Each structure stands twice: as C-alpha cells, then as structure tokens.
Amino acid sequence: MSSPASLPKEIHRSAERGELQKVVKWLRKGGLVDALCPATAATGQTTAVTLLHVAAGCGHLAMVKELLKRGASIDLQTSLGWTALMESARNGHLSIAKELLKRGASVDLPSSLGATALMEAAGYGYPSIVLVLLQHSANPDL
C-alpha cells in the first residue's frame, strides 16, 4: 500500500452512499485521496480499501471520475490485491469498468488469490464486462 494515511470510517460510508460532496469536502480539508480504511471483504477477510475501491465497487461513476481527477492511484491494490477495476467487474458496473480502462487501468493484475477482473466479471455473470475486458486485451488464459 502506498499510503499509510487513515481514511475515516465516516468518509468511507459517505463514499459507499455516493455522497460526493462530503467526500470532496474531506479531500479539500487535506484528506489524502489514497488514504486507507479497514474493511471486511466478501470472503470475511480484513483488508484496507481506498475511496476509489469503494466508489468503483458501489457504482458511483461521478465519484470515480472525481477521485481520478484528484490523483487517485488507479491500480492501487488492497491488502488482498483487489483493484478498483476488479471491484467494478465483480459488482457489474460496466460504465465504471469502461472509465477505468479508458484511464489506463491494468486489466490483468491478479489479486492475492490470483483472480483478475476478467475472472470476477465472468464468475459473477457480467458478460458485457467480460466483453469489454477482452476488447482491452484481458488474458483469458490466466
């Protein structure tokens, strides 16, 4: 992880709810865009996520765009190796996956378990995201 700064749980929840103005206000007051917040993964494991992971996983396109504009690290991985692209793929957020790919997200980064965004999209049944990832040269043989 590149940032030891702490993301307050309140701001994490604001990102989950798509409360862009609250997140922007926190950033304007000196909050770091790549600050980390402890979270529980779907597997039950504890990990640390950033605002971009949360916004991408929850489907908040405007927030994703704002965070990237403010310098969020597009390929920053959680302690379990998840990226914002993986979060969007696992949760079926096609417009966010497209935005992240347009901005240069690495398509084949693996998680700590070896999963990629393509595996997540396929495993959770999102064929439109699978197609977009393949169009961006995702490796189907990983």
C-alpha atoms as a PDB file:
ATOM      1  CA  MET A   1       0.000   0.000   0.000  1.00  0.00           C
ATOM      2  CA  SER A   2       1.359   3.378  -0.918  1.00  0.00           C
ATOM      3  CA  SER A   3      -0.333   5.499   1.733  1.00  0.00           C
ATOM      4  CA  PRO A   4      -0.274   4.948   5.487  1.00  0.00           C
ATOM      5  CA  ALA A   5      -2.859   7.709   5.941  1.00  0.00           C
ATOM      6  CA  SER A   6      -6.137   6.702   7.524  1.00  0.00           C
ATOM      7  CA  LEU A   7      -9.493   7.131   5.839  1.00  0.00           C
ATOM      8  CA  PRO A   8     -12.155   7.912   8.460  1.00  0.00           C
ATOM      9  CA  LYS A   9     -14.972   5.367   8.595  1.00  0.00           C
ATOM     10  CA  GLU A  10     -17.491   8.213   8.201  1.00  0.00           C
ATOM     11  CA  ILE A  11     -15.936   9.222   4.861  1.00  0.00           C
ATOM     12  CA  HIS A  12     -15.772   5.555   3.819  1.00  0.00           C
ATOM     13  CA  ARG A  13     -19.528   5.300   4.447  1.00  0.00           C
ATOM     14  CA  SER A  14     -20.107   8.539   2.519  1.00  0.00           C
ATOM     15  CA  ALA A  15     -18.274   7.015  -0.441  1.00  0.00           C
ATOM     16  CA  GLU A  16     -20.410   3.863  -0.186  1.00  0.00           C
ATOM     17  CA  ARG A  17     -23.554   6.002  -0.293  1.00  0.00           C
ATOM     18  CA  GLY A  18     -22.291   8.122  -3.185  1.00  0.00           C
ATOM     19  CA  GLU A  19     -22.153  11.340  -1.154  1.00  0.00           C
ATOM     20  CA  LEU A  20     -19.703  13.070  -3.459  1.00  0.00           C
ATOM     21  CA  GLN A  21     -19.837  16.479  -1.790  1.00  0.00           C
ATOM     22  CA  LYS A  22     -18.945  15.040   1.632  1.00  0.00           C
ATOM     23  CA  VAL A  23     -16.010  13.172   0.147  1.00  0.00           C
ATOM     24  CA  VAL A  24     -14.809  16.235  -1.782  1.00  0.00           C
ATOM     25  CA  LYS A  25     -15.124  18.401   1.337  1.00  0.00           C
ATOM     26  CA  TRP A  26     -12.934  15.947   3.272  1.00  0.00           C
ATOM     27  CA  LEU A  27     -10.368  15.954   0.456  1.00  0.00           C
ATOM     28  CA  ARG A  28     -10.356  19.769   0.337  1.00  0.00           C
ATOM     29  CA  LYS A  29      -9.614  19.829   4.062  1.00  0.00           C
ATOM     30  CA  GLY A  30      -6.445  17.828   3.440  1.00  0.00           C
ATOM     31  CA  GLY A  31      -7.680  14.246   3.277  1.00  0.00           C
ATOM     32  CA  LEU A  32      -5.496  12.068   1.093  1.00  0.00           C
ATOM     33  CA  VAL A  33      -7.164  10.557  -1.957  1.00  0.00           C
ATOM     34  CA  ASP A  34      -5.366   7.217  -1.435  1.00  0.00           C
ATOM     35  CA  ALA A  35      -5.944   7.032   2.323  1.00  0.00           C
ATOM     36  CA  LEU A  36      -6.800   3.571   3.603  1.00  0.00           C
ATOM     37  CA  CYS A  37      -9.751   2.350   5.630  1.00  0.00           C
ATOM     38  CA  PRO A  38     -10.082  -1.096   7.202  1.00  0.00           C
ATOM     39  CA  ALA A  39     -12.909  -3.083   5.646  1.00  0.00           C
ATOM     40  CA  THR A  40     -14.236  -6.617   5.560  1.00  0.00           C
ATOM     41  CA  ALA A  41     -14.037  -8.344   2.190  1.00  0.00           C
ATOM     42  CA  ALA A  42     -16.797 -10.573   0.833  1.00  0.00           C
ATOM     43  CA  THR A  43     -14.632 -13.513   1.917  1.00  0.00           C
ATOM     44  CA  GLY A  44     -14.777 -12.281   5.513  1.00  0.00           C
ATOM     45  CA  GLN A  45     -11.111 -11.302   5.474  1.00  0.00           C
ATOM     46  CA  THR A  46      -9.962  -7.943   6.759  1.00  0.00           C
ATOM     47  CA  THR A  47      -8.438  -5.669   4.152  1.00  0.00           C
ATOM     48  CA  ALA A  48      -7.771  -1.986   3.600  1.00  0.00           C
ATOM     49  CA  VAL A  49      -9.523  -0.027   0.849  1.00  0.00           C
ATOM     50  CA  THR A  50      -9.376   3.450  -0.648  1.00  0.00           C
ATOM     51  CA  LEU A  51     -12.143   5.772  -1.758  1.00  0.00           C
ATOM     52  CA  LEU A  52     -11.622   4.623  -5.348  1.00  0.00           C
ATOM     53  CA  HIS A  53     -12.143   0.956  -4.412  1.00  0.00           C
ATOM     54  CA  VAL A  54     -15.346   1.868  -2.581  1.00  0.00           C
ATOM     55  CA  ALA A  55     -16.730   4.146  -5.296  1.00  0.00           C
ATOM     56  CA  ALA A  56     -15.942   1.624  -8.050  1.00  0.00           C
ATOM     57  CA  GLY A  57     -17.498  -1.254  -6.135  1.00  0.00           C
ATOM     58  CA  CYS A  58     -20.621   0.696  -5.251  1.00  0.00           C
ATOM     59  CA  GLY A  59     -21.218   2.059  -8.744  1.00  0.00           C
ATOM     60  CA  HIS A  60     -20.622   5.767  -8.214  1.00  0.00           C
ATOM     61  CA  LEU A  61     -19.254   6.913 -11.581  1.00  0.00           C
ATOM     62  CA  ALA A  62     -19.147  10.637 -10.764  1.00  0.00           C
ATOM     63  CA  MET A  63     -17.124   9.904  -7.639  1.00  0.00           C
ATOM     64  CA  VAL A  64     -14.745   7.621  -9.550  1.00  0.00           C
ATOM     65  CA  LYS A  65     -14.137  10.397 -12.089  1.00  0.00           C
ATOM     66  CA  GLU A  66     -13.583  12.989  -9.343  1.00  0.00           C
ATOM     67  CA  LEU A  67     -11.165  10.765  -7.441  1.00  0.00           C
ATOM     68  CA  LEU A  68      -9.159  10.043 -10.577  1.00  0.00           C
ATOM     69  CA  LYS A  69      -9.106  13.777 -11.375  1.00  0.00           C
ATOM     70  CA  ARG A  70      -7.666  14.318  -7.896  1.00  0.00           C
ATOM     71  CA  GLY A  71      -4.895  11.797  -8.484  1.00  0.00           C
ATOM     72  CA  ALA A  72      -6.240   8.536  -7.069  1.00  0.00           C
ATOM     73  CA  SER A  73      -3.910   5.649  -7.886  1.00  0.00           C
ATOM     74  CA  ILE A  74      -5.882   3.691 -10.466  1.00  0.00           C
ATOM     75  CA  ASP A  75      -4.089   0.367  -9.909  1.00  0.00           C
ATOM     76  CA  LEU A  76      -3.552   0.591  -6.154  1.00  0.00           C
ATOM     77  CA  GLN A  77      -4.305  -2.822  -4.714  1.00  0.00           C
ATOM     78  CA  THR A  78      -5.914  -3.564  -1.369  1.00  0.00           C
ATOM     79  CA  SER A  79      -4.041  -5.772   1.079  1.00  0.00           C
ATOM     80  CA  LEU A  80      -5.837  -8.685  -0.637  1.00  0.00           C
ATOM     81  CA  GLY A  81      -4.742  -7.495  -4.068  1.00  0.00           C
ATOM     82  CA  TRP A  82      -8.081  -6.111  -5.281  1.00  0.00           C
ATOM     83  CA  THR A  83      -8.124  -3.137  -7.648  1.00  0.00           C
ATOM     84  CA  ALA A  84     -10.885  -0.679  -8.463  1.00  0.00           C
ATOM     85  CA  LEU A  85     -11.300  -2.439 -11.818  1.00  0.00           C
ATOM     86  CA  MET A  86     -11.845  -5.761 -10.051  1.00  0.00           C
ATOM     87  CA  GLU A  87     -14.382  -4.124  -7.739  1.00  0.00           C
ATOM     88  CA  SER A  88     -16.336  -2.711 -10.675  1.00  0.00           C
ATOM     89  CA  ALA A  89     -16.172  -6.028 -12.557  1.00  0.00           C
ATOM     90  CA  ARG A  90     -17.321  -8.100  -9.564  1.00  0.00           C
ATOM     91  CA  ASN A  91     -20.264  -5.789  -8.951  1.00  0.00           C
ATOM     92  CA  GLY A  92     -21.392  -5.362 -12.556  1.00  0.00           C
ATOM     93  CA  HIS A  93     -20.607  -1.678 -13.001  1.00  0.00           C
ATOM     94  CA  LEU A  94     -19.920  -1.542 -16.731  1.00  0.00           C
ATOM     95  CA  SER A  95     -19.641   2.257 -17.024  1.00  0.00           C
ATOM     96  CA  ILE A  96     -17.047   2.337 -14.254  1.00  0.00           C
ATOM     97  CA  ALA A  97     -15.055  -0.524 -15.748  1.00  0.00           C
ATOM     98  CA  LYS A  98     -15.032   1.350 -19.075  1.00  0.00           C
ATOM     99  CA  GLU A  99     -13.915   4.575 -17.383  1.00  0.00           C
ATOM    100  CA  LEU A 100     -11.098   2.847 -15.510  1.00  0.00           C
ATOM    101  CA  LEU A 101      -9.918   1.095 -18.671  1.00  0.00           C
ATOM    102  CA  LYS A 102     -10.107   4.365 -20.633  1.00  0.00           C
ATOM    103  CA  ARG A 103      -7.873   5.927 -17.978  1.00  0.00           C
ATOM    104  CA  GLY A 104      -5.310   3.130 -18.224  1.00  0.00           C
ATOM    105  CA  ALA A 105      -6.209   0.616 -15.526  1.00  0.00           C
ATOM    106  CA  SER A 106      -4.158  -2.566 -15.772  1.00  0.00           C
ATOM    107  CA  VAL A 107      -6.502  -5.255 -16.988  1.00  0.00           C
ATOM    108  CA  ASP A 108      -4.628  -8.370 -15.819  1.00  0.00           C
ATOM    109  CA  LEU A 109      -3.394  -7.523 -12.311  1.00  0.00           C
ATOM    110  CA  PRO A 110      -4.080 -10.541 -10.088  1.00  0.00           C
ATOM    111  CA  SER A 111      -5.383 -10.492  -6.535  1.00  0.00           C
ATOM    112  CA  SER A 112      -3.546 -12.374  -3.798  1.00  0.00           C
ATOM    113  CA  LEU A 113      -5.610 -15.421  -4.805  1.00  0.00           C
ATOM    114  CA  GLY A 114      -4.753 -14.999  -8.493  1.00  0.00           C
ATOM    115  CA  ALA A 115      -8.130 -13.605  -9.571  1.00  0.00           C
ATOM    116  CA  THR A 116      -8.293 -10.952 -12.289  1.00  0.00           C
ATOM    117  CA  ALA A 117     -11.045  -8.527 -13.279  1.00  0.00           C
ATOM    118  CA  LEU A 118     -11.959 -10.878 -16.143  1.00  0.00           C
ATOM    119  CA  MET A 119     -12.369 -13.804 -13.742  1.00  0.00           C
ATOM    120  CA  GLU A 120     -14.519 -11.679 -11.451  1.00  0.00           C
ATOM    121  CA  ALA A 121     -16.796 -10.474 -14.261  1.00  0.00           C
ATOM    122  CA  ALA A 122     -17.175 -13.996 -15.648  1.00  0.00           C
ATOM    123  CA  GLY A 123     -17.641 -15.583 -12.239  1.00  0.00           C
ATOM    124  CA  TYR A 124     -20.356 -13.150 -11.208  1.00  0.00           C
ATOM    125  CA  GLY A 125     -22.144 -13.328 -14.567  1.00  0.00           C
ATOM    126  CA  TYR A 126     -21.454  -9.999 -16.255  1.00  0.00           C
ATOM    127  CA  PRO A 127     -20.906 -10.849 -19.955  1.00  0.00           C
ATOM    128  CA  SER A 128     -20.884  -7.198 -21.063  1.00  0.00           C
ATOM    129  CA  ILE A 129     -17.950  -6.502 -18.742  1.00  0.00           C
ATOM    130  CA  VAL A 130     -16.222  -9.707 -19.893  1.00  0.00           C
ATOM    131  CA  LEU A 131     -16.507  -8.463 -23.480  1.00  0.00           C
ATOM    132  CA  VAL A 132     -15.110  -5.014 -22.641  1.00  0.00           C
ATOM    133  CA  LEU A 133     -12.205  -6.542 -20.730  1.00  0.00           C
ATOM    134  CA  LEU A 134     -11.412  -8.857 -23.648  1.00  0.00           C
ATOM    135  CA  GLN A 135     -11.571  -5.868 -26.009  1.00  0.00           C
ATOM    136  CA  HIS A 136      -8.920  -4.281 -23.770  1.00  0.00           C
ATOM    137  CA  SER A 137      -6.672  -7.333 -24.156  1.00  0.00           C
ATOM    138  CA  ALA A 138      -7.511  -9.145 -20.931  1.00  0.00           C
ATOM    139  CA  ASN A 139      -5.767 -12.502 -20.966  1.00  0.00           C
ATOM    140  CA  PRO A 140      -8.384 -15.298 -20.857  1.00  0.00           C
ATOM    141  CA  ASP A 141      -5.669 -17.868 -20.133  1.00  0.00           C
ATOM    142  CA  LEU A 142      -4.674 -16.571 -16.698  1.00  0.00           C
END
